[in-house]
Amino acid sequence: MREIREFEMEHDEPATAWRIVRPLVVTVTTGQLWLTLEHDAEDYWLEAGQSFLLPAGTRAWVSAGRDGARVNVTSANSVDADRRAAFAQSAAASARGWMTRWLRVA
């Protein structure tokens, strides 16, 4: 069993910084998500259906595209190794306790 959290972001919300405590997989379910990682010169724009692996120990900034975004976040530890590798290739919360276990809003 794995825990999946869903987040909704509006276009006019400021970017949010996440400090990743354990590896996470972010999957966009609707809209578009902007993602950038500390020490990575690339910006990533994810569309509905796309996923991205956020490695532990990094800082990520996330924001929604023009139409907002809805994303699911789950622990990468609960995803099998093959799927984790595929995610790596692929280009607040009401439960505050969950946020401190999984990510920290910086």
PDB file of N, CA and C in Angstrom:
ATOM      1  N   MET A   1       0.846  -1.167   0.000  1.00  0.00           N
ATOM      2  CA  MET A   1       0.000   0.000   0.000  1.00  0.00           C
ATOM      3  C   MET A   1       0.896   1.236   0.000  1.00  0.00           C
ATOM      4  N   ARG A   2       0.427   2.274  -0.655  1.00  0.00           N
ATOM      5  CA  ARG A   2       1.181   3.523  -0.638  1.00  0.00           C
ATOM      6  C   ARG A   2       0.229   4.683  -0.403  1.00  0.00           C
ATOM      7  N   GLU A   3       0.757   5.736   0.160  1.00  0.00           N
ATOM      8  CA  GLU A   3      -0.020   6.937   0.422  1.00  0.00           C
ATOM      9  C   GLU A   3       0.194   7.904  -0.735  1.00  0.00           C
ATOM     10  N   ILE A   4      -0.904   8.453  -1.231  1.00  0.00           N
ATOM     11  CA  ILE A   4      -0.851   9.439  -2.305  1.00  0.00           C
ATOM     12  C   ILE A   4      -1.561  10.690  -1.816  1.00  0.00           C
ATOM     13  N   ARG A   5      -0.917  11.833  -1.968  1.00  0.00           N
ATOM     14  CA  ARG A   5      -1.511  13.121  -1.610  1.00  0.00           C
ATOM     15  C   ARG A   5      -1.791  13.908  -2.869  1.00  0.00           C
ATOM     16  N   GLU A   6      -2.886  14.648  -2.865  1.00  0.00           N
ATOM     17  CA  GLU A   6      -3.243  15.461  -4.019  1.00  0.00           C
ATOM     18  C   GLU A   6      -3.186  16.934  -3.631  1.00  0.00           C
ATOM     19  N   PHE A   7      -2.576  17.738  -4.506  1.00  0.00           N
ATOM     20  CA  PHE A   7      -2.469  19.173  -4.291  1.00  0.00           C
ATOM     21  C   PHE A   7      -3.072  19.903  -5.477  1.00  0.00           C
ATOM     22  N   GLU A   8      -3.728  21.023  -5.226  1.00  0.00           N
ATOM     23  CA  GLU A   8      -4.240  21.893  -6.278  1.00  0.00           C
ATOM     24  C   GLU A   8      -3.550  23.242  -6.155  1.00  0.00           C
ATOM     25  N   MET A   9      -3.141  23.780  -7.285  1.00  0.00           N
ATOM     26  CA  MET A   9      -2.487  25.088  -7.319  1.00  0.00           C
ATOM     27  C   MET A   9      -3.171  25.951  -8.359  1.00  0.00           C
ATOM     28  N   GLU A  10      -3.362  27.200  -8.022  1.00  0.00           N
ATOM     29  CA  GLU A  10      -3.929  28.167  -8.963  1.00  0.00           C
ATOM     30  C   GLU A  10      -2.787  28.909  -9.659  1.00  0.00           C
ATOM     31  N   HIS A  11      -3.058  29.404 -10.832  1.00  0.00           N
ATOM     32  CA  HIS A  11      -2.055  30.120 -11.627  1.00  0.00           C
ATOM     33  C   HIS A  11      -1.483  31.328 -10.890  1.00  0.00           C
ATOM     34  N   ASP A  12      -2.326  32.048 -10.160  1.00  0.00           N
ATOM     35  CA  ASP A  12      -1.862  33.286  -9.526  1.00  0.00           C
ATOM     36  C   ASP A  12      -1.182  33.077  -8.168  1.00  0.00           C
ATOM     37  N   GLU A  13      -1.054  31.836  -7.719  1.00  0.00           N
ATOM     38  CA  GLU A  13      -0.340  31.578  -6.475  1.00  0.00           C
ATOM     39  C   GLU A  13       1.169  31.696  -6.718  1.00  0.00           C
ATOM     40  N   PRO A  14       1.912  32.244  -5.761  1.00  0.00           N
ATOM     41  CA  PRO A  14       3.364  32.317  -5.953  1.00  0.00           C
ATOM     42  C   PRO A  14       3.989  30.922  -5.934  1.00  0.00           C
ATOM     43  N   ALA A  15       5.150  30.799  -6.541  1.00  0.00           N
ATOM     44  CA  ALA A  15       5.881  29.526  -6.524  1.00  0.00           C
ATOM     45  C   ALA A  15       6.151  29.119  -5.080  1.00  0.00           C
ATOM     46  N   THR A  16       6.102  27.827  -4.842  1.00  0.00           N
ATOM     47  CA  THR A  16       6.343  27.282  -3.509  1.00  0.00           C
ATOM     48  C   THR A  16       7.642  26.493  -3.526  1.00  0.00           C
ATOM     49  N   ALA A  17       8.467  26.692  -2.505  1.00  0.00           N
ATOM     50  CA  ALA A  17       9.720  25.944  -2.395  1.00  0.00           C
ATOM     51  C   ALA A  17       9.493  24.735  -1.494  1.00  0.00           C
ATOM     52  N   TRP A  18       9.901  23.554  -1.975  1.00  0.00           N
ATOM     53  CA  TRP A  18       9.842  22.325  -1.198  1.00  0.00           C
ATOM     54  C   TRP A  18      11.250  21.832  -0.969  1.00  0.00           C
ATOM     55  N   ARG A  19      11.582  21.502   0.267  1.00  0.00           N
ATOM     56  CA  ARG A  19      12.821  20.791   0.565  1.00  0.00           C
ATOM     57  C   ARG A  19      12.452  19.319   0.640  1.00  0.00           C
ATOM     58  N   ILE A  20      13.023  18.517  -0.225  1.00  0.00           N
ATOM     59  CA  ILE A  20      12.629  17.124  -0.351  1.00  0.00           C
ATOM     60  C   ILE A  20      13.378  16.293   0.684  1.00  0.00           C
ATOM     61  N   VAL A  21      12.631  15.685   1.599  1.00  0.00           N
ATOM     62  CA  VAL A  21      13.200  14.904   2.685  1.00  0.00           C
ATOM     63  C   VAL A  21      13.452  13.463   2.246  1.00  0.00           C
ATOM     64  N   ARG A  22      12.501  12.881   1.506  1.00  0.00           N
ATOM     65  CA  ARG A  22      12.664  11.531   0.955  1.00  0.00           C
ATOM     66  C   ARG A  22      12.245  11.575  -0.499  1.00  0.00           C
ATOM     67  N   PRO A  23      12.729  10.675  -1.326  1.00  0.00           N
ATOM     68  CA  PRO A  23      12.399  10.723  -2.758  1.00  0.00           C
ATOM     69  C   PRO A  23      10.885  10.709  -2.977  1.00  0.00           C
ATOM     70  N   LEU A  24      10.431  11.605  -3.841  1.00  0.00           N
ATOM     71  CA  LEU A  24       9.008  11.724  -4.150  1.00  0.00           C
ATOM     72  C   LEU A  24       8.787  11.650  -5.650  1.00  0.00           C
ATOM     73  N   VAL A  25       7.627  11.149  -6.034  1.00  0.00           N
ATOM     74  CA  VAL A  25       7.203  11.177  -7.422  1.00  0.00           C
ATOM     75  C   VAL A  25       6.013  12.135  -7.498  1.00  0.00           C
ATOM     76  N   VAL A  26       6.142  13.147  -8.354  1.00  0.00           N
ATOM     77  CA  VAL A  26       5.066  14.110  -8.592  1.00  0.00           C
ATOM     78  C   VAL A  26       4.445  13.751  -9.938  1.00  0.00           C
ATOM     79  N   THR A  27       3.131  13.563  -9.947  1.00  0.00           N
ATOM     80  CA  THR A  27       2.408  13.241 -11.175  1.00  0.00           C
ATOM     81  C   THR A  27       1.326  14.286 -11.396  1.00  0.00           C
ATOM     82  N   VAL A  28       1.330  14.919 -12.555  1.00  0.00           N
ATOM     83  CA  VAL A  28       0.326  15.930 -12.882  1.00  0.00           C
ATOM     84  C   VAL A  28      -0.930  15.213 -13.361  1.00  0.00           C
ATOM     85  N   THR A  29      -2.068  15.507 -12.713  1.00  0.00           N
ATOM     86  CA  THR A  29      -3.323  14.875 -13.130  1.00  0.00           C
ATOM     87  C   THR A  29      -4.145  15.809 -14.028  1.00  0.00           C
ATOM     88  N   THR A  30      -4.091  17.105 -13.774  1.00  0.00           N
ATOM     89  CA  THR A  30      -4.733  18.078 -14.657  1.00  0.00           C
ATOM     90  C   THR A  30      -3.891  19.345 -14.690  1.00  0.00           C
ATOM     91  N   GLY A  31      -3.988  20.065 -15.793  1.00  0.00           N
ATOM     92  CA  GLY A  31      -3.274  21.324 -15.923  1.00  0.00           C
ATOM     93  C   GLY A  31      -1.811  21.141 -16.266  1.00  0.00           C
ATOM     94  N   GLN A  32      -1.024  22.113 -15.840  1.00  0.00           N
ATOM     95  CA  GLN A  32       0.399  22.148 -16.154  1.00  0.00           C
ATOM     96  C   GLN A  32       1.159  22.597 -14.917  1.00  0.00           C
ATOM     97  N   LEU A  33       2.295  21.953 -14.651  1.00  0.00           N
ATOM     98  CA  LEU A  33       3.107  22.259 -13.482  1.00  0.00           C
ATOM     99  C   LEU A  33       4.485  22.723 -13.919  1.00  0.00           C
ATOM    100  N   TRP A  34       4.943  23.830 -13.355  1.00  0.00           N
ATOM    101  CA  TRP A  34       6.308  24.306 -13.556  1.00  0.00           C
ATOM    102  C   TRP A  34       7.125  23.805 -12.380  1.00  0.00           C
ATOM    103  N   LEU A  35       8.306  23.271 -12.681  1.00  0.00           N
ATOM    104  CA  LEU A  35       9.159  22.680 -11.664  1.00  0.00           C
ATOM    105  C   LEU A  35      10.600  23.045 -11.970  1.00  0.00           C
ATOM    106  N   THR A  36      11.334  23.470 -10.964  1.00  0.00           N
ATOM    107  CA  THR A  36      12.766  23.683 -11.119  1.00  0.00           C
ATOM    108  C   THR A  36      13.457  23.176  -9.858  1.00  0.00           C
ATOM    109  N   LEU A  37      14.656  22.667 -10.025  1.00  0.00           N
ATOM    110  CA  LEU A  37      15.407  22.100  -8.917  1.00  0.00           C
ATOM    111  C   LEU A  37      16.662  22.914  -8.653  1.00  0.00           C
ATOM    112  N   GLU A  38      17.023  23.002  -7.397  1.00  0.00           N
ATOM    113  CA  GLU A  38      18.263  23.659  -7.012  1.00  0.00           C
ATOM    114  C   GLU A  38      19.439  22.970  -7.708  1.00  0.00           C
ATOM    115  N   HIS A  39      20.385  23.751  -8.217  1.00  0.00           N
ATOM    116  CA  HIS A  39      21.577  23.262  -8.913  1.00  0.00           C
ATOM    117  C   HIS A  39      21.267  22.604 -10.259  1.00  0.00           C
ATOM    118  N   ASP A  40      20.101  22.896 -10.818  1.00  0.00           N
ATOM    119  CA  ASP A  40      19.727  22.372 -12.133  1.00  0.00           C
ATOM    120  C   ASP A  40      19.294  23.571 -12.967  1.00  0.00           C
ATOM    121  N   ALA A  41      19.969  23.818 -14.056  1.00  0.00           N
ATOM    122  CA  ALA A  41      19.695  24.998 -14.880  1.00  0.00           C
ATOM    123  C   ALA A  41      18.389  24.885 -15.667  1.00  0.00           C
ATOM    124  N   GLU A  42      17.814  23.689 -15.726  1.00  0.00           N
ATOM    125  CA  GLU A  42      16.601  23.473 -16.513  1.00  0.00           C
ATOM    126  C   GLU A  42      15.345  23.840 -15.735  1.00  0.00           C
ATOM    127  N   ASP A  43      14.344  24.312 -16.452  1.00  0.00           N
ATOM    128  CA  ASP A  43      12.978  24.415 -15.944  1.00  0.00           C
ATOM    129  C   ASP A  43      12.209  23.287 -16.596  1.00  0.00           C
ATOM    130  N   TYR A  44      11.331  22.648 -15.843  1.00  0.00           N
ATOM    131  CA  TYR A  44      10.542  21.539 -16.361  1.00  0.00           C
ATOM    132  C   TYR A  44       9.071  21.932 -16.355  1.00  0.00           C
ATOM    133  N   TRP A  45       8.414  21.752 -17.475  1.00  0.00           N
ATOM    134  CA  TRP A  45       6.973  21.961 -17.600  1.00  0.00           C
ATOM    135  C   TRP A  45       6.337  20.603 -17.809  1.00  0.00           C
ATOM    136  N   LEU A  46       5.550  20.179 -16.829  1.00  0.00           N
ATOM    137  CA  LEU A  46       4.910  18.876 -16.894  1.00  0.00           C
ATOM    138  C   LEU A  46       3.431  19.046 -17.230  1.00  0.00           C
ATOM    139  N   GLU A  47       2.966  18.226 -18.141  1.00  0.00           N
ATOM    140  CA  GLU A  47       1.562  18.217 -18.560  1.00  0.00           C
ATOM    141  C   GLU A  47       0.843  17.071 -17.844  1.00  0.00           C
ATOM    142  N   ALA A  48      -0.483  17.090 -17.921  1.00  0.00           N
ATOM    143  CA  ALA A  48      -1.285  16.015 -17.337  1.00  0.00           C
ATOM    144  C   ALA A  48      -0.781  14.663 -17.833  1.00  0.00           C
ATOM    145  N   GLY A  49      -0.593  13.743 -16.905  1.00  0.00           N
ATOM    146  CA  GLY A  49      -0.112  12.407 -17.242  1.00  0.00           C
ATOM    147  C   GLY A  49       1.389  12.242 -17.095  1.00  0.00           C
ATOM    148  N   GLN A  50       2.140  13.330 -16.966  1.00  0.00           N
ATOM    149  CA  GLN A  50       3.585  13.230 -16.825  1.00  0.00           C
ATOM    150  C   GLN A  50       3.985  13.198 -15.355  1.00  0.00           C
ATOM    151  N   SER A  51       5.100  12.516 -15.075  1.00  0.00           N
ATOM    152  CA  SER A  51       5.616  12.372 -13.721  1.00  0.00           C
ATOM    153  C   SER A  51       7.066  12.816 -13.664  1.00  0.00           C
ATOM    154  N   PHE A  52       7.527  13.102 -12.447  1.00  0.00           N
ATOM    155  CA  PHE A  52       8.905  13.546 -12.247  1.00  0.00           C
ATOM    156  C   PHE A  52       9.363  13.039 -10.892  1.00  0.00           C
ATOM    157  N   LEU A  53      10.575  12.502 -10.835  1.00  0.00           N
ATOM    158  CA  LEU A  53      11.162  12.040  -9.581  1.00  0.00           C
ATOM    159  C   LEU A  53      11.904  13.195  -8.926  1.00  0.00           C
ATOM    160  N   LEU A  54      11.550  13.498  -7.686  1.00  0.00           N
ATOM    161  CA  LEU A  54      12.240  14.525  -6.899  1.00  0.00           C
ATOM    162  C   LEU A  54      13.158  13.798  -5.920  1.00  0.00           C
ATOM    163  N   PRO A  55      14.479  13.895  -6.109  1.00  0.00           N
ATOM    164  CA  PRO A  55      15.399  13.162  -5.236  1.00  0.00           C
ATOM    165  C   PRO A  55      15.484  13.781  -3.839  1.00  0.00           C
ATOM    166  N   ALA A  56      15.732  12.944  -2.867  1.00  0.00           N
ATOM    167  CA  ALA A  56      15.915  13.404  -1.487  1.00  0.00           C
ATOM    168  C   ALA A  56      17.095  14.365  -1.406  1.00  0.00           C
ATOM    169  N   GLY A  57      16.982  15.328  -0.522  1.00  0.00           N
ATOM    170  CA  GLY A  57      18.083  16.253  -0.284  1.00  0.00           C
ATOM    171  C   GLY A  57      18.130  17.444  -1.216  1.00  0.00           C
ATOM    172  N   THR A  58      17.168  17.573  -2.105  1.00  0.00           N
ATOM    173  CA  THR A  58      17.151  18.714  -3.016  1.00  0.00           C
ATOM    174  C   THR A  58      16.059  19.693  -2.616  1.00  0.00           C
ATOM    175  N   ARG A  59      16.116  20.858  -3.208  1.00  0.00           N
ATOM    176  CA  ARG A  59      15.066  21.865  -3.054  1.00  0.00           C
ATOM    177  C   ARG A  59      14.424  22.034  -4.426  1.00  0.00           C
ATOM    178  N   ALA A  60      13.102  22.043  -4.439  1.00  0.00           N
ATOM    179  CA  ALA A  60      12.349  22.197  -5.689  1.00  0.00           C
ATOM    180  C   ALA A  60      11.387  23.369  -5.542  1.00  0.00           C
ATOM    181  N   TRP A  61      11.205  24.100  -6.616  1.00  0.00           N
ATOM    182  CA  TRP A  61      10.202  25.165  -6.662  1.00  0.00           C
ATOM    183  C   TRP A  61       9.119  24.710  -7.623  1.00  0.00           C
ATOM    184  N   VAL A  62       7.858  24.841  -7.207  1.00  0.00           N
ATOM    185  CA  VAL A  62       6.736  24.404  -8.029  1.00  0.00           C
ATOM    186  C   VAL A  62       5.716  25.532  -8.150  1.00  0.00           C
ATOM    187  N   SER A  63       5.060  25.572  -9.296  1.00  0.00           N
ATOM    188  CA  SER A  63       4.004  26.536  -9.545  1.00  0.00           C
ATOM    189  C   SER A  63       3.103  25.980 -10.637  1.00  0.00           C
ATOM    190  N   ALA A  64       1.912  26.551 -10.748  1.00  0.00           N
ATOM    191  CA  ALA A  64       0.945  26.082 -11.737  1.00  0.00           C
ATOM    192  C   ALA A  64       1.044  26.889 -13.019  1.00  0.00           C
ATOM    193  N   GLY A  65       0.672  26.241 -14.120  1.00  0.00           N
ATOM    194  CA  GLY A  65       0.556  26.923 -15.403  1.00  0.00           C
ATOM    195  C   GLY A  65      -0.697  27.783 -15.444  1.00  0.00           C
ATOM    196  N   ARG A  66      -1.001  28.308 -16.613  1.00  0.00           N
ATOM    197  CA  ARG A  66      -2.100  29.262 -16.798  1.00  0.00           C
ATOM    198  C   ARG A  66      -3.454  28.755 -16.289  1.00  0.00           C
ATOM    199  N   ASP A  67      -3.721  27.472 -16.476  1.00  0.00           N
ATOM    200  CA  ASP A  67      -5.020  26.915 -16.075  1.00  0.00           C
ATOM    201  C   ASP A  67      -4.993  26.239 -14.708  1.00  0.00           C
ATOM    202  N   GLY A  68      -3.933  26.474 -13.939  1.00  0.00           N
ATOM    203  CA  GLY A  68      -3.811  25.819 -12.646  1.00  0.00           C
ATOM    204  C   GLY A  68      -3.261  24.414 -12.814  1.00  0.00           C
ATOM    205  N   ALA A  69      -3.134  23.710 -11.710  1.00  0.00           N
ATOM    206  CA  ALA A  69      -2.615  22.339 -11.753  1.00  0.00           C
ATOM    207  C   ALA A  69      -3.152  21.548 -10.582  1.00  0.00           C
ATOM    208  N   ARG A  70      -3.337  20.279 -10.823  1.00  0.00           N
ATOM    209  CA  ARG A  70      -3.641  19.318  -9.771  1.00  0.00           C
ATOM    210  C   ARG A  70      -2.571  18.240  -9.883  1.00  0.00           C
ATOM    211  N   VAL A  71      -1.888  17.951  -8.763  1.00  0.00           N
ATOM    212  CA  VAL A  71      -0.798  16.984  -8.788  1.00  0.00           C
ATOM    213  C   VAL A  71      -0.953  15.974  -7.662  1.00  0.00           C
ATOM    214  N   ASN A  72      -0.513  14.762  -7.936  1.00  0.00           N
ATOM    215  CA  ASN A  72      -0.415  13.723  -6.911  1.00  0.00           C
ATOM    216  C   ASN A  72       1.049  13.583  -6.526  1.00  0.00           C
ATOM    217  N   VAL A  73       1.299  13.404  -5.234  1.00  0.00           N
ATOM    218  CA  VAL A  73       2.654  13.220  -4.729  1.00  0.00           C
ATOM    219  C   VAL A  73       2.670  11.934  -3.921  1.00  0.00           C
ATOM    220  N   THR A  74       3.621  11.070  -4.235  1.00  0.00           N
ATOM    221  CA  THR A  74       3.762   9.810  -3.505  1.00  0.00           C
ATOM    222  C   THR A  74       5.234   9.534  -3.240  1.00  0.00           C
ATOM    223  N   SER A  75       5.504   8.725  -2.251  1.00  0.00           N
ATOM    224  CA  SER A  75       6.879   8.352  -1.925  1.00  0.00           C
ATOM    225  C   SER A  75       7.453   7.498  -3.038  1.00  0.00           C
ATOM    226  N   ALA A  76       8.644   7.829  -3.485  1.00  0.00           N
ATOM    227  CA  ALA A  76       9.309   7.013  -4.506  1.00  0.00           C
ATOM    228  C   ALA A  76       9.693   5.668  -3.934  1.00  0.00           C
ATOM    229  N   ASN A  77       9.802   5.559  -2.621  1.00  0.00           N
ATOM    230  CA  ASN A  77      10.132   4.274  -1.999  1.00  0.00           C
ATOM    231  C   ASN A  77       9.037   3.252  -2.219  1.00  0.00           C
ATOM    232  N   SER A  78       7.820   3.715  -2.484  1.00  0.00           N
ATOM    233  CA  SER A  78       6.714   2.785  -2.681  1.00  0.00           C
ATOM    234  C   SER A  78       6.525   2.423  -4.152  1.00  0.00           C
ATOM    235  N   VAL A  79       7.374   2.953  -5.002  1.00  0.00           N
ATOM    236  CA  VAL A  79       7.299   2.670  -6.439  1.00  0.00           C
ATOM    237  C   VAL A  79       8.435   1.716  -6.777  1.00  0.00           C
ATOM    238  N   ASP A  80       8.158   0.685  -7.557  1.00  0.00           N
ATOM    239  CA  ASP A  80       9.204  -0.289  -7.855  1.00  0.00           C
ATOM    240  C   ASP A  80      10.359   0.349  -8.633  1.00  0.00           C
ATOM    241  N   ALA A  81      11.506  -0.303  -8.609  1.00  0.00           N
ATOM    242  CA  ALA A  81      12.739   0.262  -9.167  1.00  0.00           C
ATOM    243  C   ALA A  81      12.609   0.592 -10.650  1.00  0.00           C
ATOM    244  N   ASP A  82      11.941  -0.247 -11.420  1.00  0.00           N
ATOM    245  CA  ASP A  82      11.791   0.021 -12.851  1.00  0.00           C
ATOM    246  C   ASP A  82      10.993   1.299 -13.088  1.00  0.00           C
ATOM    247  N   ARG A  83       9.923   1.463 -12.352  1.00  0.00           N
ATOM    248  CA  ARG A  83       9.109   2.665 -12.514  1.00  0.00           C
ATOM    249  C   ARG A  83       9.875   3.900 -12.047  1.00  0.00           C
ATOM    250  N   ARG A  84      10.680   3.770 -10.971  1.00  0.00           N
ATOM    251  CA  ARG A  84      11.489   4.907 -10.513  1.00  0.00           C
ATOM    252  C   ARG A  84      12.446   5.341 -11.607  1.00  0.00           C
ATOM    253  N   ALA A  85      13.079   4.388 -12.259  1.00  0.00           N
ATOM    254  CA  ALA A  85      14.002   4.716 -13.348  1.00  0.00           C
ATOM    255  C   ALA A  85      13.250   5.406 -14.482  1.00  0.00           C
ATOM    256  N   ALA A  86      12.056   4.938 -14.786  1.00  0.00           N
ATOM    257  CA  ALA A  86      11.265   5.564 -15.846  1.00  0.00           C
ATOM    258  C   ALA A  86      10.881   6.990 -15.465  1.00  0.00           C
ATOM    259  N   PHE A  87      10.522   7.204 -14.202  1.00  0.00           N
ATOM    260  CA  PHE A  87      10.176   8.554 -13.756  1.00  0.00           C
ATOM    261  C   PHE A  87      11.378   9.483 -13.874  1.00  0.00           C
ATOM    262  N   ALA A  88      12.566   8.947 -13.548  1.00  0.00           N
ATOM    263  CA  ALA A  88      13.764   9.774 -13.610  1.00  0.00           C
ATOM    264  C   ALA A  88      14.050  10.200 -15.038  1.00  0.00           C
ATOM    265  N   GLN A  89      13.652   9.386 -15.960  1.00  0.00           N
ATOM    266  CA  GLN A  89      13.862   9.710 -17.362  1.00  0.00           C
ATOM    267  C   GLN A  89      12.799  10.701 -17.829  1.00  0.00           C
ATOM    268  N   SER A  90      11.668  10.638 -17.365  1.00  0.00           N
ATOM    269  CA  SER A  90      10.524  11.441 -17.776  1.00  0.00           C
ATOM    270  C   SER A  90      10.656  12.896 -17.304  1.00  0.00           C
ATOM    271  N   ALA A  91      10.370  13.490 -18.463  1.00  0.00           N
ATOM    272  CA  ALA A  91      10.384  14.895 -18.109  1.00  0.00           C
ATOM    273  C   ALA A  91       8.932  15.342 -17.626  1.00  0.00           C
ATOM    274  N   ALA A  92      -0.972  24.857   2.666  1.00  0.00           N
ATOM    275  CA  ALA A  92      -0.716  23.985   2.142  1.00  0.00           C
ATOM    276  C   ALA A  92      -1.608  22.893   2.400  1.00  0.00           C
ATOM    277  N   ALA A  93      -0.823  21.840   2.454  1.00  0.00           N
ATOM    278  CA  ALA A  93      -1.495  20.565   2.701  1.00  0.00           C
ATOM    279  C   ALA A  93      -2.174  20.602   4.076  1.00  0.00           C
ATOM    280  N   SER A  94      -3.305  19.945   4.147  1.00  0.00           N
ATOM    281  CA  SER A  94      -4.025  19.939   5.422  1.00  0.00           C
ATOM    282  C   SER A  94      -3.391  18.999   6.428  1.00  0.00           C
ATOM    283  N   ALA A  95      -2.680  17.988   5.958  1.00  0.00           N
ATOM    284  CA  ALA A  95      -2.037  17.039   6.870  1.00  0.00           C
ATOM    285  C   ALA A  95      -0.614  17.501   7.131  1.00  0.00           C
ATOM    286  N   ARG A  96      -0.437  18.431   8.026  1.00  0.00           N
ATOM    287  CA  ARG A  96       0.870  19.021   8.290  1.00  0.00           C
ATOM    288  C   ARG A  96       1.891  17.960   8.703  1.00  0.00           C
ATOM    289  N   GLY A  97       1.468  16.967   9.443  1.00  0.00           N
ATOM    290  CA  GLY A  97       2.378  15.890   9.828  1.00  0.00           C
ATOM    291  C   GLY A  97       2.937  15.178   8.612  1.00  0.00           C
ATOM    292  N   TRP A  98       2.092  14.965   7.602  1.00  0.00           N
ATOM    293  CA  TRP A  98       2.551  14.349   6.352  1.00  0.00           C
ATOM    294  C   TRP A  98       3.609  15.212   5.703  1.00  0.00           C
ATOM    295  N   MET A  99       3.373  16.539   5.695  1.00  0.00           N
ATOM    296  CA  MET A  99       4.332  17.441   5.036  1.00  0.00           C
ATOM    297  C   MET A  99       5.685  17.392   5.725  1.00  0.00           C
ATOM    298  N   THR A 100       5.722  17.296   7.035  1.00  0.00           N
ATOM    299  CA  THR A 100       7.021  17.283   7.716  1.00  0.00           C
ATOM    300  C   THR A 100       7.724  15.955   7.517  1.00  0.00           C
ATOM    301  N   ARG A 101       6.982  14.862   7.266  1.00  0.00           N
ATOM    302  CA  ARG A 101       7.623  13.584   6.987  1.00  0.00           C
ATOM    303  C   ARG A 101       8.153  13.514   5.572  1.00  0.00           C
ATOM    304  N   TRP A 102       7.473  14.165   4.617  1.00  0.00           N
ATOM    305  CA  TRP A 102       7.762  13.983   3.207  1.00  0.00           C
ATOM    306  C   TRP A 102       8.469  15.183   2.582  1.00  0.00           C
ATOM    307  N   LEU A 103       8.074  16.370   2.934  1.00  0.00           N
ATOM    308  CA  LEU A 103       8.710  17.558   2.383  1.00  0.00           C
ATOM    309  C   LEU A 103       8.547  18.685   3.363  1.00  0.00           C
ATOM    310  N   ARG A 104       9.391  19.652   3.245  1.00  0.00           N
ATOM    311  CA  ARG A 104       9.286  20.844   4.097  1.00  0.00           C
ATOM    312  C   ARG A 104       9.110  22.047   3.194  1.00  0.00           C
ATOM    313  N   VAL A 105       8.086  22.838   3.479  1.00  0.00           N
ATOM    314  CA  VAL A 105       7.890  24.068   2.718  1.00  0.00           C
ATOM    315  C   VAL A 105       8.885  25.077   3.254  1.00  0.00           C
ATOM    316  N   ALA A 106       9.741  25.544   2.373  1.00  0.00           N
ATOM    317  CA  ALA A 106      10.815  26.451   2.794  1.00  0.00           C
ATOM    318  C   ALA A 106      10.355  27.896   2.740  1.00  0.00           C
TER     319      ALA A 106
END
